[in-house]
Amino acid sequence: MTTKLRVIQIDREEIVIKGASDKTIADAKKAMTAGGVFTVEKKGWVYHMAGQHIIRLEVEVDDDQDDDKS
């Protein structure tokens, strides 16, 4: 199973983190609710997002198993 975290900011920019850990998700939620800063590295870039600029967090869990029942 792969966890995907989508961070949507006030300027509608979206950052998608594939394989997000529980700690990464908790850090994003904490920054959003407590007014902190969420820092993440993606493809060699380091993003620092102020919590007040994050308008929504979406967490998706993809099940990588094939459900073929023949």
N, C-alpha and C. Protein backbone atom coordinates (compact mmCIF):
# COMPACT_ATOMS: atom_id res chain seq x y z
N MET A 1 0.84 -1.18 0.00
CA MET A 1 0.00 0.00 0.00
C MET A 1 0.88 1.24 0.00
N THR A 2 0.49 2.21 -0.79
CA THR A 2 1.22 3.46 -0.91
C THR A 2 0.34 4.59 -0.39
N THR A 3 0.90 5.41 0.48
CA THR A 3 0.17 6.57 0.99
C THR A 3 0.62 7.80 0.22
N LYS A 4 -0.36 8.56 -0.25
CA LYS A 4 -0.09 9.77 -1.02
C LYS A 4 -0.67 10.96 -0.26
N LEU A 5 0.15 11.97 0.00
CA LEU A 5 -0.29 13.20 0.66
C LEU A 5 -0.30 14.32 -0.36
N ARG A 6 -1.44 14.97 -0.50
CA ARG A 6 -1.58 16.11 -1.42
C ARG A 6 -1.78 17.36 -0.55
N VAL A 7 -0.87 18.33 -0.70
CA VAL A 7 -0.94 19.58 0.05
C VAL A 7 -1.40 20.66 -0.91
N ILE A 8 -2.55 21.27 -0.61
CA ILE A 8 -3.09 22.33 -1.46
C ILE A 8 -2.91 23.65 -0.73
N GLN A 9 -2.26 24.61 -1.41
CA GLN A 9 -1.98 25.90 -0.81
C GLN A 9 -2.98 26.96 -1.29
N ILE A 10 -2.93 28.14 -0.66
CA ILE A 10 -3.91 29.18 -0.98
C ILE A 10 -3.82 29.66 -2.42
N ASP A 11 -2.64 29.52 -3.05
CA ASP A 11 -2.51 29.93 -4.44
C ASP A 11 -2.85 28.79 -5.41
N ARG A 12 -3.48 27.74 -4.87
CA ARG A 12 -3.93 26.55 -5.60
C ARG A 12 -2.79 25.67 -6.10
N GLU A 13 -1.57 25.97 -5.67
CA GLU A 13 -0.45 25.10 -5.99
C GLU A 13 -0.59 23.81 -5.18
N GLU A 14 -0.35 22.70 -5.82
CA GLU A 14 -0.46 21.41 -5.15
C GLU A 14 0.90 20.72 -5.15
N ILE A 15 1.23 20.16 -4.01
CA ILE A 15 2.44 19.36 -3.90
C ILE A 15 1.99 17.97 -3.48
N VAL A 16 2.38 16.97 -4.25
CA VAL A 16 1.99 15.59 -3.96
C VAL A 16 3.23 14.84 -3.48
N ILE A 17 3.10 14.20 -2.33
CA ILE A 17 4.18 13.42 -1.76
C ILE A 17 3.76 11.97 -1.77
N LYS A 18 4.39 11.18 -2.63
CA LYS A 18 4.08 9.76 -2.72
C LYS A 18 4.90 9.02 -1.68
N GLY A 19 4.30 8.04 -1.04
CA GLY A 19 5.00 7.28 -0.01
C GLY A 19 5.18 8.08 1.26
N ALA A 20 4.22 8.96 1.56
CA ALA A 20 4.32 9.79 2.76
C ALA A 20 4.20 8.93 4.02
N SER A 21 5.09 9.19 4.97
CA SER A 21 5.05 8.45 6.22
C SER A 21 4.03 9.08 7.17
N ASP A 22 3.70 8.36 8.23
CA ASP A 22 2.78 8.90 9.23
C ASP A 22 3.34 10.17 9.85
N LYS A 23 4.66 10.24 10.04
CA LYS A 23 5.29 11.42 10.61
C LYS A 23 5.14 12.62 9.68
N THR A 24 5.31 12.41 8.38
CA THR A 24 5.16 13.50 7.40
C THR A 24 3.74 14.04 7.43
N ILE A 25 2.76 13.14 7.47
CA ILE A 25 1.36 13.56 7.51
C ILE A 25 1.07 14.32 8.81
N ALA A 26 1.59 13.81 9.92
CA ALA A 26 1.38 14.48 11.22
C ALA A 26 2.03 15.86 11.23
N ASP A 27 3.23 15.98 10.64
CA ASP A 27 3.91 17.28 10.57
C ASP A 27 3.10 18.29 9.75
N ALA A 28 2.53 17.83 8.64
CA ALA A 28 1.71 18.72 7.80
C ALA A 28 0.46 19.17 8.55
N LYS A 29 -0.20 18.24 9.24
CA LYS A 29 -1.39 18.59 10.02
C LYS A 29 -1.05 19.56 11.13
N LYS A 30 0.08 19.33 11.80
CA LYS A 30 0.50 20.19 12.90
C LYS A 30 0.78 21.61 12.39
N ALA A 31 1.47 21.71 11.27
CA ALA A 31 1.77 23.03 10.70
C ALA A 31 0.49 23.76 10.32
N MET A 32 -0.45 23.02 9.77
CA MET A 32 -1.71 23.63 9.32
C MET A 32 -2.55 24.12 10.50
N THR A 33 -2.61 23.35 11.58
CA THR A 33 -3.47 23.71 12.70
C THR A 33 -2.80 24.62 13.72
N ALA A 34 -1.49 24.46 13.91
CA ALA A 34 -0.79 25.23 14.94
C ALA A 34 -0.06 26.45 14.38
N GLY A 35 -0.16 26.66 13.08
CA GLY A 35 0.46 27.82 12.46
C GLY A 35 1.96 27.70 12.31
N GLY A 36 2.47 26.50 12.23
CA GLY A 36 3.91 26.29 12.07
C GLY A 36 4.32 26.30 10.62
N VAL A 37 5.49 25.71 10.37
CA VAL A 37 6.02 25.61 9.01
C VAL A 37 6.22 24.14 8.69
N PHE A 38 5.75 23.74 7.51
CA PHE A 38 5.91 22.37 7.03
C PHE A 38 7.03 22.37 6.01
N THR A 39 8.06 21.56 6.27
CA THR A 39 9.22 21.49 5.39
C THR A 39 9.30 20.08 4.82
N VAL A 40 9.45 20.00 3.49
CA VAL A 40 9.56 18.71 2.83
C VAL A 40 10.50 18.84 1.64
N GLU A 41 11.24 17.76 1.37
CA GLU A 41 12.12 17.74 0.21
C GLU A 41 11.50 16.85 -0.86
N LYS A 42 11.48 17.35 -2.08
CA LYS A 42 10.91 16.59 -3.19
C LYS A 42 11.72 16.88 -4.45
N LYS A 43 12.26 15.83 -5.04
CA LYS A 43 13.03 15.94 -6.28
C LYS A 43 14.15 16.97 -6.18
N GLY A 44 14.85 16.98 -5.06
CA GLY A 44 15.98 17.89 -4.89
C GLY A 44 15.61 19.30 -4.45
N TRP A 45 14.34 19.61 -4.39
CA TRP A 45 13.87 20.92 -3.95
C TRP A 45 13.38 20.80 -2.51
N VAL A 46 13.64 21.82 -1.71
CA VAL A 46 13.14 21.86 -0.34
C VAL A 46 12.04 22.90 -0.29
N TYR A 47 10.85 22.47 0.14
CA TYR A 47 9.70 23.35 0.24
C TYR A 47 9.45 23.70 1.70
N HIS A 48 9.29 24.98 1.99
CA HIS A 48 8.92 25.46 3.32
C HIS A 48 7.56 26.13 3.16
N MET A 49 6.54 25.50 3.72
CA MET A 49 5.19 26.03 3.58
C MET A 49 4.66 26.47 4.94
N ALA A 50 4.28 27.72 5.02
CA ALA A 50 3.68 28.22 6.25
C ALA A 50 2.29 27.61 6.40
N GLY A 51 1.97 27.23 7.63
CA GLY A 51 0.69 26.59 7.90
C GLY A 51 -0.51 27.40 7.45
N GLN A 52 -0.42 28.73 7.55
CA GLN A 52 -1.56 29.57 7.15
C GLN A 52 -1.74 29.60 5.64
N HIS A 53 -0.76 29.11 4.87
CA HIS A 53 -0.88 29.05 3.41
C HIS A 53 -1.41 27.71 2.92
N ILE A 54 -1.54 26.74 3.83
CA ILE A 54 -2.08 25.43 3.47
C ILE A 54 -3.58 25.47 3.71
N ILE A 55 -4.37 25.24 2.67
CA ILE A 55 -5.81 25.28 2.85
C ILE A 55 -6.43 23.90 2.98
N ARG A 56 -5.73 22.88 2.47
CA ARG A 56 -6.32 21.53 2.55
C ARG A 56 -5.23 20.47 2.44
N LEU A 57 -5.43 19.39 3.17
CA LEU A 57 -4.57 18.22 3.07
C LEU A 57 -5.44 17.05 2.65
N GLU A 58 -4.99 16.29 1.66
CA GLU A 58 -5.72 15.10 1.22
C GLU A 58 -4.78 13.91 1.34
N VAL A 59 -5.24 12.87 2.02
CA VAL A 59 -4.46 11.66 2.18
C VAL A 59 -5.17 10.53 1.46
N GLU A 60 -4.45 9.88 0.56
CA GLU A 60 -5.01 8.75 -0.19
C GLU A 60 -4.15 7.53 0.06
N VAL A 61 -4.79 6.38 0.22
CA VAL A 61 -4.07 5.13 0.37
C VAL A 61 -4.42 4.26 -0.83
N ASP A 62 -3.40 3.97 -1.63
CA ASP A 62 -3.59 3.14 -2.82
C ASP A 62 -3.22 1.71 -2.47
N ASP A 63 -4.11 0.80 -2.76
CA ASP A 63 -3.85 -0.61 -2.55
C ASP A 63 -3.22 -1.15 -3.81
N ASP A 64 -1.99 -1.61 -3.73
CA ASP A 64 -1.25 -2.06 -4.90
C ASP A 64 -1.58 -3.49 -5.32
N GLN A 65 -2.45 -4.17 -4.59
CA GLN A 65 -2.77 -5.55 -4.90
C GLN A 65 -3.84 -5.61 -5.97
N ASP A 66 -3.73 -6.61 -6.85
CA ASP A 66 -4.77 -6.84 -7.86
C ASP A 66 -5.85 -7.69 -7.25
N ASP A 67 -7.06 -7.28 -7.40
CA ASP A 67 -8.20 -8.03 -6.84
C ASP A 67 -8.87 -8.86 -7.92
N ASP A 68 -8.10 -9.68 -8.59
CA ASP A 68 -8.66 -10.55 -9.65
C ASP A 68 -9.28 -11.77 -9.00
N LYS A 69 -10.57 -11.88 -9.12
CA LYS A 69 -11.28 -13.05 -8.59
C LYS A 69 -11.95 -13.76 -9.75
N SER A 70 -11.29 -14.77 -10.28
CA SER A 70 -11.82 -15.48 -11.42
C SER A 70 -12.32 -16.83 -11.02
